[in-house]
Amino acid sequence: MDMEKIISKGDMMDKKIEFNMMPKWLTLTMFVCKWLMVMIPFVVSSIALFWESNMSIMDSGLWNCIWMLSLVKIIDMTNE
């Protein structure tokens, strides 16, 4: 009986106590801003890649890099 009490106390101590210092509206606002900061470059670079057909190799490569980095960040955001 005593061993069960010790085990249950240990289980209670292992539980994490979370304190959220930020209000819920701030967390939501930060999520929206983060999402916009990733999606705007993705959309702009997608449009630039297909809109402008006479780009040089450097311009095309730069827009391609921006597009791929934005895509990687979008994938990272889905894993959060």
Protein backbone atom coordinates (compact mmCIF):
# COMPACT_ATOMS: atom_id res chain seq x y z
CA MET A 1 0.00 0.00 0.00
CA ASP A 2 2.79 2.42 0.87
CA MET A 3 4.60 1.60 -2.33
CA GLU A 4 1.50 2.54 -4.35
CA LYS A 5 1.39 5.95 -2.65
CA ILE A 6 5.05 6.55 -3.44
CA ILE A 7 4.53 5.58 -7.08
CA SER A 8 1.45 7.82 -7.40
CA LYS A 9 3.38 10.75 -5.87
CA GLY A 10 6.17 10.15 -8.36
CA ASP A 11 3.67 10.19 -11.22
CA MET A 12 2.24 13.48 -9.98
CA MET A 13 5.69 15.04 -9.81
CA ASP A 14 6.48 13.93 -13.37
CA LYS A 15 3.52 15.85 -14.81
CA LYS A 16 4.53 19.13 -16.35
CA ILE A 17 3.00 22.29 -15.04
CA GLU A 18 2.67 24.78 -17.85
CA PHE A 19 2.42 28.50 -17.31
CA ASN A 20 1.42 30.54 -20.30
CA MET A 21 2.71 34.07 -19.88
CA MET A 22 1.30 35.33 -23.19
CA PRO A 23 -2.41 35.99 -23.69
CA LYS A 24 -4.28 33.82 -26.15
CA TRP A 25 -4.84 36.69 -28.61
CA LEU A 26 -1.11 37.36 -28.78
CA THR A 27 -0.35 33.71 -29.52
CA LEU A 28 -2.94 33.73 -32.31
CA THR A 29 -1.62 37.01 -33.71
CA MET A 30 1.94 35.70 -33.74
CA PHE A 31 0.81 32.54 -35.55
CA VAL A 32 -0.97 34.60 -38.21
CA CYS A 33 2.05 36.90 -38.66
CA LYS A 34 4.39 33.91 -38.92
CA TRP A 35 2.11 32.30 -41.49
CA LEU A 36 1.93 35.51 -43.54
CA MET A 37 5.71 36.00 -43.44
CA VAL A 38 6.13 32.57 -45.00
CA MET A 39 3.24 32.59 -47.46
CA ILE A 40 3.80 36.04 -48.99
CA PRO A 41 7.31 35.25 -50.33
CA PHE A 42 6.04 31.87 -51.54
CA VAL A 43 3.16 33.41 -53.49
CA VAL A 44 5.23 36.32 -54.84
CA SER A 45 8.05 34.05 -55.99
CA SER A 46 5.56 31.63 -57.58
CA ILE A 47 4.02 34.46 -59.55
CA ALA A 48 7.43 35.87 -60.51
CA LEU A 49 8.65 32.49 -61.77
CA PHE A 50 5.73 32.05 -64.15
CA TRP A 51 4.96 35.69 -65.02
CA GLU A 52 8.37 36.75 -66.27
CA SER A 53 9.55 34.47 -69.07
CA ASN A 54 12.65 36.42 -70.15
CA MET A 55 14.57 36.31 -66.86
CA SER A 56 18.28 35.71 -66.80
CA ILE A 57 19.72 32.61 -65.16
CA MET A 58 20.67 34.60 -62.04
CA ASP A 59 17.20 36.11 -61.65
CA SER A 60 15.51 32.78 -62.23
CA GLY A 61 17.84 31.06 -59.77
CA LEU A 62 17.23 33.69 -57.11
CA TRP A 63 13.44 33.42 -57.40
CA ASN A 64 13.78 29.62 -57.41
CA CYS A 65 15.83 29.73 -54.18
CA ILE A 66 13.28 32.00 -52.50
CA TRP A 67 10.47 29.69 -53.60
CA MET A 68 12.24 26.55 -52.34
CA LEU A 69 13.20 28.09 -48.98
CA SER A 70 9.62 29.26 -48.50
CA LEU A 71 8.36 25.79 -49.34
CA VAL A 72 10.73 24.22 -46.79
CA LYS A 73 9.49 26.66 -44.15
CA ILE A 74 5.86 25.81 -45.00
CA ILE A 75 6.65 22.13 -44.50
CA ASP A 76 8.31 22.93 -41.17
CA MET A 77 5.25 24.88 -40.08
CA THR A 78 2.98 21.93 -40.79
CA ASN A 79 5.07 19.77 -38.45
CA GLU A 80 4.59 22.17 -35.52
